[in-house]
Amino acid sequence: MPRKKPFSSKQKKKQLQEKRQRKQANGPAYLQNSSDSEGSGTDSQAHGGNQKVHRDNAAEKAGLDTGLDVLEVNSQPYNYSHGKYDPNRYRLHFFKESRDDMAKRKEKARHPYNPLPEESLEMDLDIDEENFIDIPKRPPWDYKLSKKQLENNEERYFKSYLDEIFSKHNAEELSYMELNLETWRQLWRVLEMSDVFLIITDIRHPAMHFPPALYAYITEELKKSVIIVLNKVDLAPPSLVVAWQHYFKQHFPLVNVVCFSSFPKSTEEMEQMSKKVGKVVFKKRRRGTYRALGPQELHTVCEKLVQAEVDLSSWKHKIELDQGVEAEDSDDDDDNAEDVDVDNDTKGKQVRPDHTDIYEEHEKYKDGVLTIGCVGFPNVGKSSVINGLMGKKVVSVSRTPGHTKHFQTIYLTSTVKLCDCPGLVFPSKIDRDLQILGGIYPIAQVREPYSTINYLAERLDLPRILQIKPPDDDVDITTYRWSAMDICEAWADKRGFLTAKAARLDSYRSANNLLRMALEGRICLCLYPKGFMKNKDFWENHDHTAAFIELKKHYKQKIQSPC
């Protein structure tokens, strides 16, 4: 390793200037016109940003009159002239809200909100032609094309796809959506190589995490099977889990629905966790054993789909071993552990990120191996599902969206291969505040969190849950009309969040803390399928609800007293 050279303050100042110039650059190349790519702005970015760059709206350069800028989440400073590898290649790209919009939303959060009835939590998947938004699909290709030609074709197609989307829909009405072509390329590879797909959703808001366009593409064009995985089922009432199962089976008849939880909790544990709100919020838990709920059901569904074309007996044997034999404890933390090799069942094959740009035509059950692709939005638990199926940590997980940068292949057994796809934010018209609460948009990048707290407070009784008091002691708690800003300041006062210089209540930190509690499940916002509240008694007394409760009890007893 070469010896480091002295680094002066003048060089540091120059580095910071280059970093600011890169942030002011014009976004991804595929959002620019070909004429712009020859201009001084792109040349400056390609050479590390040594020249002054005059920022233009990247959306306008793409011919999109949206009035929004492109934000590269967690973009790293890098001098492109030093090497070919780009550390920002797989960064999440979103449209950025204007300052005027943020100011209006912040002002609204200062006014008292009106609590909404529980029916406001009901959500339906509108899949009519007006609301249906298609996903980008990889353009036709063949082996005669060079790598450069293939990439140019994909970039031109993706630009035309964005042009079409924003010509049909107003950008302000659309939710956050992924604008990085590299992330979509990862999905295209997973779609090509997989035989069965797991569309993984969070049980708290599965309708938001299920893209109908992806379902239509897989079942109608690719002619492959889809399994919806309702993940984190321990965070929702059993009646709601059963209601969502029936909802998806009714509206999407070609899917199978499986319930899953990497770390199933009992009802007593959930109640105890809800009582700890305000005490220990971010306590890190060390887990070495994955006793997931759902691998057996997933194996049964896959066995029906492959119809004896693939031998899944080794998978069944692994499930029996995992349920009966406790794995060794690990000292690694869930949020920081690195990828590790798989156990002996994989016969020497490893967990590996795949950076290759080579495409292969799909061969069903190639070499007698079932390939299962795990796709979905960020933060729904795709990597945790894989760890739960493996019975131990094999891929790194994090609460931060975009943690998985490229797809990874993992051999579950010698005849079953898992493919972990990076989380993708599919285009939709879902409320952006709900996306933030669902973990789709990184909380660290939220510049105005108060409107999201307002959205949460309208649907949940936050003052009662947080056990906070109004800022004025003389007012009546029962009649006081709260605002989102009042809640943030009251929570800051209770937790002792103060600004560094003036020692004022730090409402921004308080709002950020509340959003992370909602993401973790300590403040649990669950969406209901359409008509759930009207038929709530029916679902609570449903036979499948009782069967699901018994399954959880039986499984919990098996974990607590292993063979």
Protein backbone atom coordinates (compact mmCIF):
# COMPACT_ATOMS: atom_id res chain seq x y z
CA MET A 1 0.00 0.00 0.00
CA PRO A 2 1.49 3.39 -1.01
CA ARG A 3 2.32 5.87 1.67
CA LYS A 4 -0.28 8.61 2.18
CA LYS A 5 0.68 12.10 1.07
CA PRO A 6 0.23 15.15 3.33
CA PHE A 7 -3.18 16.73 2.94
CA SER A 8 -3.23 20.51 3.35
CA SER A 9 -6.15 22.72 4.33
CA LYS A 10 -6.03 24.26 0.85
CA GLN A 11 -6.54 20.83 -0.70
CA LYS A 12 -9.36 20.13 1.73
CA LYS A 13 -11.06 23.38 0.73
CA LYS A 14 -10.71 22.45 -2.94
CA GLN A 15 -12.19 19.01 -2.23
CA LEU A 16 -15.24 20.57 -0.55
CA GLN A 17 -15.70 22.93 -3.48
CA GLU A 18 -15.64 19.99 -5.89
CA LYS A 19 -18.16 18.17 -3.73
CA ARG A 20 -20.56 21.14 -3.83
CA GLN A 21 -20.18 21.37 -7.59
CA ARG A 22 -20.95 17.68 -7.99
CA LYS A 23 -24.12 18.12 -5.93
CA GLN A 24 -25.11 20.91 -8.30
CA ALA A 25 -24.53 18.77 -11.36
CA ASN A 26 -27.33 17.74 -13.66
CA GLY A 27 -28.32 14.34 -12.28
CA PRO A 28 -28.16 11.01 -14.15
CA ALA A 29 -26.92 10.98 -17.74
CA TYR A 30 -30.09 9.29 -18.99
CA LEU A 31 -32.16 12.26 -17.76
CA GLN A 32 -30.21 14.61 -20.07
CA ASN A 33 -30.52 15.37 -23.76
CA SER A 34 -27.69 14.15 -25.97
CA SER A 35 -26.77 17.75 -26.75
CA ASP A 36 -26.35 18.50 -23.06
CA SER A 37 -24.00 15.57 -22.52
CA GLU A 38 -21.46 17.40 -24.68
CA GLY A 39 -21.70 20.60 -22.68
CA SER A 40 -19.43 22.00 -20.03
CA GLY A 41 -21.65 20.79 -17.17
CA THR A 42 -21.23 17.11 -17.97
CA ASP A 43 -17.54 17.53 -18.76
CA SER A 44 -17.02 19.20 -15.40
CA GLN A 45 -18.74 16.33 -13.61
CA ALA A 46 -16.71 13.74 -15.51
CA HIS A 47 -13.46 15.40 -14.45
CA GLY A 48 -14.27 15.63 -10.79
CA GLY A 49 -16.13 18.95 -10.92
CA ASN A 50 -13.11 21.23 -11.30
CA GLN A 51 -15.10 23.78 -13.32
CA LYS A 52 -18.01 25.89 -12.16
CA VAL A 53 -21.29 24.18 -13.05
CA HIS A 54 -24.48 26.17 -13.57
CA ARG A 55 -27.30 24.01 -12.32
CA ASP A 56 -30.27 23.39 -14.60
CA ASN A 57 -33.29 21.32 -13.71
CA ALA A 58 -32.55 17.72 -14.72
CA ALA A 59 -36.21 17.10 -15.37
CA GLU A 60 -36.40 20.05 -17.76
CA LYS A 61 -33.31 18.81 -19.60
CA ALA A 62 -35.16 15.54 -20.13
CA GLY A 63 -38.08 17.45 -21.55
CA LEU A 64 -40.15 16.96 -18.39
CA ASP A 65 -41.91 20.09 -17.21
CA THR A 66 -42.18 18.95 -13.60
CA GLY A 67 -40.54 21.78 -11.69
CA LEU A 68 -38.72 19.25 -9.47
CA ASP A 69 -35.03 18.54 -9.07
CA VAL A 70 -33.36 15.14 -8.88
CA LEU A 71 -31.93 14.16 -5.50
CA GLU A 72 -29.20 11.50 -5.33
CA VAL A 73 -29.61 9.91 -1.90
CA ASN A 74 -26.36 9.44 0.05
CA SER A 75 -24.22 10.48 -2.89
CA GLN A 76 -20.49 10.03 -2.18
CA PRO A 77 -17.75 12.44 -3.29
CA TYR A 78 -15.67 10.87 -6.04
CA ASN A 79 -13.24 12.00 -8.73
CA TYR A 80 -14.32 10.20 -11.90
CA SER A 81 -10.96 10.69 -13.58
CA HIS A 82 -9.22 8.36 -11.08
CA GLY A 83 -10.95 5.14 -12.07
CA LYS A 84 -13.85 3.43 -13.78
CA TYR A 85 -15.76 2.34 -10.67
CA ASP A 86 -18.52 4.74 -9.64
CA PRO A 87 -19.55 4.42 -5.97
CA ASN A 88 -22.77 6.31 -6.72
CA ARG A 89 -23.86 3.91 -9.44
CA TYR A 90 -26.58 2.26 -7.37
CA ARG A 91 -27.68 5.29 -5.32
CA LEU A 92 -31.40 5.97 -5.00
CA HIS A 93 -32.64 8.81 -7.18
CA PHE A 94 -35.84 10.72 -6.35
CA PHE A 95 -37.44 13.95 -7.38
CA LYS A 96 -36.87 16.63 -4.75
CA GLU A 97 -39.65 18.82 -3.40
CA SER A 98 -39.37 22.56 -3.87
CA ARG A 99 -38.83 24.91 -0.94
CA ASP A 100 -42.23 26.53 -1.50
CA ASP A 101 -43.99 23.17 -1.14
CA MET A 102 -42.06 22.38 2.03
CA ALA A 103 -42.89 25.80 3.51
CA LYS A 104 -46.62 25.27 2.85
CA ARG A 105 -46.57 21.81 4.40
CA LYS A 106 -44.66 23.05 7.43
CA GLU A 107 -47.13 25.90 7.94
CA LYS A 108 -50.03 23.44 7.73
CA ALA A 109 -48.40 21.34 10.46
CA ARG A 110 -48.66 24.32 12.83
CA HIS A 111 -52.46 24.35 12.63
CA PRO A 112 -54.64 21.96 14.66
CA TYR A 113 -55.47 18.76 12.82
CA ASN A 114 -58.81 16.95 12.70
CA PRO A 115 -58.72 13.27 13.74
CA LEU A 116 -59.96 10.97 11.00
CA PRO A 117 -62.15 7.87 11.49
CA GLU A 118 -60.67 4.39 11.24
CA GLU A 119 -62.19 4.03 7.78
CA SER A 120 -59.51 6.45 6.55
CA LEU A 121 -56.96 3.65 7.02
CA GLU A 122 -58.72 1.50 4.43
CA MET A 123 -56.82 1.24 1.15
CA ASP A 124 -57.77 -0.22 -2.18
CA LEU A 125 -55.64 -1.03 -5.21
CA ASP A 126 -57.11 0.92 -8.10
CA ILE A 127 -55.95 -0.87 -11.23
CA ASP A 128 -58.13 0.83 -13.83
CA GLU A 129 -56.54 2.34 -16.93
CA GLU A 130 -56.47 5.83 -15.47
CA ASN A 131 -54.50 4.88 -12.33
CA PHE A 132 -52.46 2.01 -13.79
CA ILE A 133 -48.80 3.03 -14.16
CA ASP A 134 -46.60 0.59 -16.02
CA ILE A 135 -43.05 -0.32 -15.01
CA PRO A 136 -39.98 0.02 -17.27
CA LYS A 137 -39.22 -3.25 -19.09
CA ARG A 138 -35.89 -4.08 -20.61
CA PRO A 139 -35.93 -3.41 -24.38
CA PRO A 140 -35.29 -6.31 -26.79
CA TRP A 141 -31.68 -7.38 -27.15
CA ASP A 142 -29.49 -10.08 -28.67
CA TYR A 143 -25.90 -11.23 -28.39
CA LYS A 144 -24.89 -9.31 -31.53
CA LEU A 145 -25.12 -6.05 -29.60
CA SER A 146 -22.04 -4.79 -27.84
CA LYS A 147 -22.19 -3.76 -24.21
CA LYS A 148 -22.10 -0.06 -25.18
CA GLN A 149 -24.93 -0.47 -27.69
CA LEU A 150 -27.00 -2.36 -25.16
CA GLU A 151 -26.53 0.34 -22.52
CA ASN A 152 -27.34 3.13 -24.98
CA ASN A 153 -30.55 1.36 -26.03
CA GLU A 154 -31.57 0.96 -22.40
CA GLU A 155 -30.82 4.60 -21.60
CA ARG A 156 -32.84 5.85 -24.58
CA TYR A 157 -35.73 3.58 -23.63
CA PHE A 158 -35.66 4.65 -19.98
CA LYS A 159 -35.67 8.33 -20.95
CA SER A 160 -38.66 7.79 -23.24
CA TYR A 161 -40.37 5.85 -20.45
CA LEU A 162 -39.95 8.80 -18.07
CA ASP A 163 -41.16 11.20 -20.77
CA GLU A 164 -44.31 9.13 -21.20
CA ILE A 165 -44.95 8.82 -17.47
CA PHE A 166 -44.73 12.56 -16.83
CA SER A 167 -46.69 13.45 -19.94
CA LYS A 168 -49.64 11.39 -18.65
CA HIS A 169 -49.35 12.16 -14.92
CA ASN A 170 -48.61 15.28 -12.95
CA ALA A 171 -45.31 14.89 -11.11
CA GLU A 172 -46.76 16.40 -7.92
CA GLU A 173 -49.49 13.74 -7.83
CA LEU A 174 -47.03 10.88 -8.23
CA SER A 175 -45.33 9.26 -5.29
CA TYR A 176 -41.58 9.03 -4.88
CA MET A 177 -40.31 6.72 -7.61
CA GLU A 178 -36.89 5.32 -8.49
CA LEU A 179 -35.12 7.31 -11.22
CA ASN A 180 -31.85 5.39 -11.26
CA LEU A 181 -31.62 3.16 -14.33
CA GLU A 182 -28.95 1.00 -12.66
CA THR A 183 -31.41 -0.11 -9.99
CA TRP A 184 -33.99 -1.05 -12.62
CA ARG A 185 -31.31 -3.05 -14.43
CA GLN A 186 -30.91 -5.16 -11.30
CA LEU A 187 -34.64 -5.94 -11.39
CA TRP A 188 -34.44 -6.86 -15.08
CA ARG A 189 -31.72 -9.41 -14.34
CA VAL A 190 -33.67 -10.94 -11.49
CA LEU A 191 -36.80 -11.14 -13.68
CA GLU A 192 -34.83 -12.96 -16.37
CA MET A 193 -33.09 -15.53 -14.23
CA SER A 194 -35.84 -16.48 -11.73
CA ASP A 195 -38.49 -19.19 -12.04
CA VAL A 196 -40.75 -18.12 -9.15
CA PHE A 197 -41.08 -14.66 -7.65
CA LEU A 198 -41.68 -13.59 -4.09
CA ILE A 199 -43.26 -10.14 -3.99
CA ILE A 200 -42.50 -9.26 -0.38
CA THR A 201 -44.77 -6.78 1.42
CA ASP A 202 -45.00 -5.37 4.93
CA ILE A 203 -48.25 -6.51 6.57
CA ARG A 204 -48.77 -3.01 7.96
CA HIS A 205 -49.32 -1.59 4.47
CA PRO A 206 -49.23 -4.39 1.89
CA ALA A 207 -51.39 -2.57 -0.67
CA MET A 208 -48.75 0.15 -0.86
CA HIS A 209 -45.98 -2.44 -1.34
CA PHE A 210 -47.71 -4.49 -4.04
CA PRO A 211 -47.15 -3.16 -7.61
CA PRO A 212 -49.99 -4.38 -9.90
CA ALA A 213 -47.88 -3.57 -12.98
CA LEU A 214 -45.15 -5.98 -11.84
CA TYR A 215 -47.75 -8.67 -11.17
CA ALA A 216 -49.23 -8.21 -14.65
CA TYR A 217 -45.81 -8.32 -16.31
CA ILE A 218 -44.70 -11.50 -14.53
CA THR A 219 -47.95 -13.45 -14.97
CA GLU A 220 -49.03 -12.25 -18.43
CA GLU A 221 -45.79 -11.63 -20.33
CA LEU A 222 -43.21 -13.79 -18.56
CA LYS A 223 -45.75 -16.54 -17.74
CA LYS A 224 -44.15 -17.18 -14.36
CA SER A 225 -45.56 -17.74 -10.87
CA VAL A 226 -45.97 -15.10 -8.15
CA ILE A 227 -46.11 -15.61 -4.39
CA ILE A 228 -47.06 -12.67 -2.16
CA VAL A 229 -45.19 -12.80 1.14
CA LEU A 230 -46.95 -10.89 3.93
CA ASN A 231 -43.88 -10.17 6.04
CA LYS A 232 -43.72 -9.03 9.70
CA VAL A 233 -47.11 -10.59 10.50
CA ASP A 234 -46.37 -10.26 14.22
CA LEU A 235 -46.92 -6.49 13.90
CA ALA A 236 -50.60 -6.77 12.92
CA PRO A 237 -53.72 -8.41 14.46
CA PRO A 238 -54.43 -11.93 13.13
CA SER A 239 -57.83 -10.81 11.79
CA LEU A 240 -56.12 -8.16 9.64
CA VAL A 241 -53.60 -10.70 8.32
CA VAL A 242 -56.40 -13.02 7.23
CA ALA A 243 -58.35 -10.13 5.68
CA TRP A 244 -55.36 -9.14 3.55
CA GLN A 245 -54.86 -12.77 2.50
CA HIS A 246 -58.42 -12.97 1.20
CA TYR A 247 -58.14 -9.53 -0.41
CA PHE A 248 -55.13 -10.49 -2.56
CA LYS A 249 -56.57 -13.87 -3.50
CA GLN A 250 -59.81 -12.21 -4.56
CA HIS A 251 -58.27 -9.39 -6.63
CA PHE A 252 -55.24 -11.26 -8.00
CA PRO A 253 -56.32 -14.88 -8.57
CA LEU A 254 -52.98 -16.05 -9.99
CA VAL A 255 -51.03 -15.39 -6.78
CA ASN A 256 -50.35 -17.52 -3.73
CA VAL A 257 -50.19 -15.79 -0.35
CA VAL A 258 -47.78 -16.82 2.43
CA CYS A 259 -47.41 -15.25 5.89
CA PHE A 260 -43.87 -14.75 7.15
CA SER A 261 -41.97 -13.40 10.14
CA SER A 262 -38.22 -13.66 10.61
CA PHE A 263 -38.51 -13.09 14.38
CA PRO A 264 -42.08 -13.98 15.41
CA LYS A 265 -43.27 -12.33 18.62
CA SER A 266 -46.02 -13.46 20.93
CA THR A 267 -48.95 -11.22 21.86
CA GLU A 268 -47.41 -10.62 25.29
CA GLU A 269 -44.14 -9.45 23.70
CA MET A 270 -46.00 -7.06 21.40
CA GLU A 271 -47.91 -5.55 24.34
CA GLN A 272 -44.70 -5.21 26.33
CA MET A 273 -42.98 -3.50 23.40
CA SER A 274 -45.85 -1.00 23.03
CA LYS A 275 -45.56 -0.09 26.72
CA LYS A 276 -41.87 0.75 26.26
CA VAL A 277 -42.64 3.71 23.98
CA GLY A 278 -40.55 6.61 25.22
CA LYS A 279 -38.08 4.50 27.19
CA VAL A 280 -35.68 2.51 25.04
CA VAL A 281 -36.44 3.28 21.40
CA PHE A 282 -33.40 2.09 19.49
CA LYS A 283 -32.21 -0.80 21.60
CA LYS A 284 -30.11 -3.06 19.41
CA ARG A 285 -30.83 -6.75 19.67
CA ARG A 286 -28.24 -9.39 18.94
CA ARG A 287 -29.73 -12.35 17.21
CA GLY A 288 -27.89 -15.34 15.94
CA THR A 289 -30.85 -17.70 15.57
CA TYR A 290 -33.50 -17.18 12.90
CA ARG A 291 -36.61 -19.14 13.83
CA ALA A 292 -38.80 -17.79 11.05
CA LEU A 293 -42.53 -18.37 10.73
CA GLY A 294 -43.42 -19.26 7.15
CA PRO A 295 -40.64 -21.38 5.53
CA GLN A 296 -42.76 -24.53 5.79
CA GLU A 297 -45.75 -22.84 4.10
CA LEU A 298 -43.50 -21.37 1.39
CA HIS A 299 -41.98 -24.80 0.71
CA THR A 300 -45.46 -26.29 0.33
CA VAL A 301 -46.49 -23.63 -2.20
CA CYS A 302 -43.27 -24.02 -4.22
CA GLU A 303 -43.70 -27.80 -4.22
CA LYS A 304 -47.12 -27.36 -5.85
CA LEU A 305 -45.75 -24.94 -8.43
CA VAL A 306 -42.77 -27.03 -9.59
CA GLN A 307 -44.87 -30.24 -9.71
CA ALA A 308 -41.97 -32.63 -9.08
CA GLU A 309 -39.82 -31.06 -11.83
CA VAL A 310 -37.33 -30.10 -9.12
CA ASP A 311 -36.40 -32.20 -6.11
CA LEU A 312 -37.20 -30.05 -3.03
CA SER A 313 -36.63 -32.77 -0.45
CA SER A 314 -33.35 -31.18 0.68
CA TRP A 315 -35.22 -27.94 1.42
CA LYS A 316 -37.79 -29.82 3.48
CA HIS A 317 -35.02 -31.57 5.40
CA LYS A 318 -33.33 -28.21 6.09
CA ILE A 319 -36.58 -26.76 7.47
CA GLU A 320 -36.95 -29.70 9.84
CA LEU A 321 -33.38 -29.23 11.06
CA ASP A 322 -33.78 -25.47 11.53
CA GLN A 323 -36.93 -25.92 13.59
CA GLY A 324 -35.40 -28.56 15.78
CA VAL A 325 -31.77 -27.53 16.20
CA GLU A 326 -30.77 -24.14 17.58
CA ALA A 327 -28.12 -22.24 15.65
CA GLU A 328 -25.07 -20.78 17.33
CA ASP A 329 -25.33 -17.25 18.65
CA SER A 330 -23.66 -14.52 16.64
CA ASP A 331 -21.90 -11.44 17.96
CA ASP A 332 -22.76 -9.44 14.84
CA ASP A 333 -25.50 -6.86 14.97
CA ASP A 334 -28.31 -7.02 12.43
CA ASP A 335 -27.72 -3.55 11.09
CA ASN A 336 -23.95 -3.78 10.63
CA ALA A 337 -23.08 -7.38 9.76
CA GLU A 338 -21.36 -8.13 6.48
CA ASP A 339 -22.28 -10.81 3.97
CA VAL A 340 -20.95 -14.24 4.92
CA ASP A 341 -20.69 -17.58 3.23
CA VAL A 342 -23.48 -20.09 3.45
CA ASP A 343 -23.31 -23.34 5.38
CA ASN A 344 -22.47 -26.79 4.06
CA ASP A 345 -25.91 -27.26 2.48
CA THR A 346 -24.80 -24.96 -0.33
CA LYS A 347 -21.92 -27.32 -1.24
CA GLY A 348 -19.28 -24.62 -1.36
CA LYS A 349 -21.35 -22.05 -3.23
CA GLN A 350 -21.31 -18.60 -1.71
CA VAL A 351 -23.42 -15.55 -1.22
CA ARG A 352 -22.16 -13.20 -3.87
CA PRO A 353 -23.20 -9.89 -5.35
CA ASP A 354 -23.43 -10.13 -9.11
CA HIS A 355 -21.92 -7.13 -10.94
CA THR A 356 -21.92 -8.72 -14.37
CA ASP A 357 -23.62 -6.98 -17.27
CA ILE A 358 -23.98 -10.21 -19.26
CA TYR A 359 -27.55 -11.32 -19.88
CA GLU A 360 -28.62 -14.89 -20.39
CA GLU A 361 -31.79 -16.29 -21.84
CA HIS A 362 -33.93 -17.90 -19.18
CA GLU A 363 -33.93 -21.66 -18.94
CA LYS A 364 -36.64 -23.04 -16.67
CA TYR A 365 -35.24 -24.95 -13.67
CA LYS A 366 -31.74 -24.81 -15.13
CA ASP A 367 -29.54 -27.71 -13.95
CA GLY A 368 -32.43 -28.95 -11.80
CA VAL A 369 -32.32 -25.82 -9.60
CA LEU A 370 -35.35 -23.76 -8.61
CA THR A 371 -34.46 -20.03 -8.68
CA ILE A 372 -36.63 -17.87 -6.44
CA GLY A 373 -36.46 -14.11 -7.00
CA CYS A 374 -37.20 -11.80 -4.04
CA VAL A 375 -38.49 -8.43 -5.23
CA GLY A 376 -40.33 -5.52 -3.69
CA PHE A 377 -40.08 -2.02 -2.27
CA PRO A 378 -37.23 -0.94 0.04
CA ASN A 379 -37.49 -1.81 3.73
CA VAL A 380 -40.14 -4.53 3.39
CA GLY A 381 -37.67 -7.13 4.67
CA LYS A 382 -36.43 -8.96 1.57
CA SER A 383 -33.00 -9.65 3.04
CA SER A 384 -34.56 -10.64 6.37
CA VAL A 385 -36.81 -13.14 4.59
CA ILE A 386 -33.74 -14.70 2.99
CA ASN A 387 -32.00 -14.87 6.36
CA GLY A 388 -35.13 -16.43 7.84
CA LEU A 389 -35.22 -19.07 5.11
CA MET A 390 -31.52 -19.78 5.60
CA GLY A 391 -31.91 -20.05 9.38
CA LYS A 392 -29.04 -17.63 10.02
CA LYS A 393 -27.61 -14.34 8.77
CA VAL A 394 -26.21 -14.62 5.26
CA VAL A 395 -27.01 -11.17 3.86
CA SER A 396 -26.65 -7.78 5.51
CA VAL A 397 -29.84 -5.98 6.53
CA SER A 398 -30.57 -2.41 7.55
CA ARG A 399 -33.48 -0.08 8.27
CA THR A 400 -32.08 2.34 5.68
CA PRO A 401 -33.78 2.04 2.26
CA GLY A 402 -31.36 1.17 -0.53
CA HIS A 403 -29.03 -0.86 1.71
CA THR A 404 -28.93 -3.70 -0.85
CA LYS A 405 -27.27 -2.14 -3.90
CA HIS A 406 -27.18 -5.04 -6.36
CA PHE A 407 -28.82 -8.43 -6.60
CA GLN A 408 -27.24 -11.35 -4.77
CA THR A 409 -27.55 -15.08 -5.36
CA ILE A 410 -27.70 -17.43 -2.40
CA TYR A 411 -28.02 -21.21 -2.51
CA LEU A 412 -30.57 -22.29 0.06
CA THR A 413 -29.87 -25.93 -0.75
CA SER A 414 -28.27 -27.68 -3.70
CA THR A 415 -31.58 -27.47 -5.64
CA VAL A 416 -32.95 -24.11 -4.45
CA LYS A 417 -31.34 -20.76 -5.23
CA LEU A 418 -32.52 -17.42 -3.83
CA CYS A 419 -31.99 -14.13 -5.62
CA ASP A 420 -32.17 -10.97 -3.51
CA CYS A 421 -33.08 -7.92 -5.61
CA PRO A 422 -32.43 -4.34 -4.41
CA GLY A 423 -35.51 -2.53 -3.18
CA LEU A 424 -37.27 -0.57 -5.91
CA VAL A 425 -39.76 2.26 -5.52
CA PHE A 426 -42.30 1.52 -8.25
CA PRO A 427 -44.26 4.45 -9.74
CA SER A 428 -47.66 4.99 -8.16
CA LYS A 429 -49.99 7.66 -6.78
CA ILE A 430 -49.55 6.71 -3.12
CA ASP A 431 -49.37 9.54 -0.62
CA ARG A 432 -45.74 10.55 -0.04
CA ASP A 433 -46.26 10.83 3.72
CA LEU A 434 -47.36 7.21 3.76
CA GLN A 435 -44.26 6.25 1.80
CA ILE A 436 -42.07 7.86 4.45
CA LEU A 437 -43.95 6.05 7.25
CA GLY A 438 -43.58 2.80 5.30
CA GLY A 439 -39.80 3.16 5.11
CA ILE A 440 -39.73 3.57 1.32
CA TYR A 441 -38.13 7.00 1.42
CA PRO A 442 -35.06 7.39 3.70
CA ILE A 443 -36.03 9.22 6.88
CA ALA A 444 -32.58 10.80 7.04
CA GLN A 445 -33.36 12.55 3.74
CA VAL A 446 -36.72 13.96 4.84
CA ARG A 447 -36.27 17.72 4.94
CA GLU A 448 -39.74 18.52 6.28
CA PRO A 449 -40.98 15.75 8.66
CA TYR A 450 -43.81 17.67 10.36
CA SER A 451 -46.42 17.04 7.66
CA THR A 452 -45.74 13.30 7.95
CA ILE A 453 -46.27 13.53 11.72
CA ASN A 454 -49.53 15.36 10.93
CA TYR A 455 -50.57 12.47 8.62
CA LEU A 456 -49.80 9.99 11.41
CA ALA A 457 -51.55 12.02 14.12
CA GLU A 458 -54.76 12.31 12.08
CA ARG A 459 -55.06 8.52 12.05
CA LEU A 460 -53.62 7.56 15.45
CA ASP A 461 -54.12 9.11 18.88
CA LEU A 462 -50.48 10.10 19.32
CA PRO A 463 -50.94 12.16 22.53
CA ARG A 464 -52.42 9.11 24.25
CA ILE A 465 -49.86 6.67 22.79
CA LEU A 466 -46.91 8.89 23.69
CA GLN A 467 -48.46 10.04 26.98
CA ILE A 468 -47.58 13.67 26.36
CA LYS A 469 -49.14 16.84 27.76
CA PRO A 470 -50.06 20.11 26.01
CA PRO A 471 -47.43 22.88 26.09
CA ASP A 472 -49.69 25.01 28.31
CA ASP A 473 -50.41 23.40 31.69
CA ASP A 474 -53.57 25.45 32.21
CA VAL A 475 -55.51 23.96 29.28
CA ASP A 476 -57.80 20.94 29.51
CA ILE A 477 -56.14 17.85 28.02
CA THR A 478 -59.45 16.36 26.88
CA THR A 479 -60.49 19.42 24.84
CA TYR A 480 -57.10 20.65 23.65
CA ARG A 481 -56.70 20.63 19.85
CA TRP A 482 -53.25 19.37 19.00
CA SER A 483 -51.13 20.28 16.02
CA ALA A 484 -48.27 18.24 14.60
CA MET A 485 -45.79 20.84 15.80
CA ASP A 486 -47.27 20.69 19.34
CA ILE A 487 -46.77 16.92 19.38
CA CYS A 488 -43.15 17.24 18.24
CA GLU A 489 -42.38 19.88 20.87
CA ALA A 490 -44.13 17.93 23.65
CA TRP A 491 -42.20 14.79 22.70
CA ALA A 492 -38.95 16.78 22.61
CA ASP A 493 -39.72 18.10 26.09
CA LYS A 494 -40.41 14.58 27.38
CA ARG A 495 -37.27 13.07 25.83
CA GLY A 496 -35.01 16.06 26.51
CA PHE A 497 -34.28 16.90 22.88
CA LEU A 498 -32.71 20.39 22.94
CA THR A 499 -30.83 22.43 20.36
CA ALA A 500 -27.09 22.74 20.90
CA LYS A 501 -26.68 26.51 21.13
CA ALA A 502 -29.91 28.04 22.41
CA ALA A 503 -31.16 24.96 24.33
CA ARG A 504 -34.61 25.28 22.74
CA LEU A 505 -36.86 22.30 22.16
CA ASP A 506 -35.55 20.46 19.13
CA SER A 507 -38.77 19.74 17.25
CA TYR A 508 -36.96 18.49 14.13
CA ARG A 509 -35.07 15.82 16.06
CA SER A 510 -38.28 14.90 17.85
CA ALA A 511 -40.16 14.48 14.55
CA ASN A 512 -37.32 12.38 13.15
CA ASN A 513 -37.40 10.21 16.28
CA LEU A 514 -41.16 9.65 15.95
CA LEU A 515 -40.80 8.64 12.30
CA ARG A 516 -38.17 6.05 13.22
CA MET A 517 -40.42 4.70 15.97
CA ALA A 518 -43.19 4.30 13.39
CA LEU A 519 -40.80 2.53 11.03
CA GLU A 520 -39.65 0.17 13.80
CA GLY A 521 -43.24 -0.68 14.77
CA ARG A 522 -43.33 0.94 18.22
CA ILE A 523 -45.94 3.30 16.81
CA CYS A 524 -47.84 0.86 14.62
CA LEU A 525 -49.90 2.25 11.75
CA CYS A 526 -51.69 -0.56 9.91
CA LEU A 527 -53.71 -0.10 6.73
CA TYR A 528 -56.91 -2.05 6.21
CA PRO A 529 -58.34 -3.56 3.03
CA LYS A 530 -61.43 -1.86 1.63
CA GLY A 531 -64.52 -2.63 3.75
CA PHE A 532 -62.57 -4.07 6.70
CA MET A 533 -64.12 -1.88 9.40
CA LYS A 534 -67.64 -2.70 8.25
CA ASN A 535 -66.89 -6.43 8.49
CA LYS A 536 -64.46 -6.32 11.42
CA ASP A 537 -66.46 -8.77 13.55
CA PHE A 538 -66.63 -11.17 10.62
CA TRP A 539 -62.86 -11.25 10.23
CA GLU A 540 -62.20 -11.52 13.97
CA ASN A 541 -64.47 -14.59 14.17
CA HIS A 542 -63.32 -16.11 10.88
CA ASP A 543 -62.19 -19.74 10.90
CA HIS A 544 -58.89 -18.83 9.23
CA THR A 545 -58.21 -16.25 11.95
CA ALA A 546 -58.59 -18.86 14.66
CA ALA A 547 -56.39 -21.26 12.69
CA PHE A 548 -53.71 -18.58 12.27
CA ILE A 549 -53.72 -17.85 16.02
CA GLU A 550 -53.32 -21.54 16.77
CA LEU A 551 -50.47 -21.78 14.27
CA LYS A 552 -48.63 -18.91 15.97
CA LYS A 553 -49.16 -20.46 19.43
CA HIS A 554 -47.97 -23.86 18.24
CA TYR A 555 -44.93 -22.35 16.56
CA LYS A 556 -44.07 -20.23 19.60
CA GLN A 557 -44.17 -23.30 21.84
CA LYS A 558 -41.91 -25.14 19.42
CA ILE A 559 -39.36 -22.32 19.56
CA GLN A 560 -39.43 -22.04 23.35
CA SER A 561 -38.99 -25.77 23.84
CA PRO A 562 -36.84 -27.08 20.95
CA CYS A 563 -36.42 -30.80 20.46
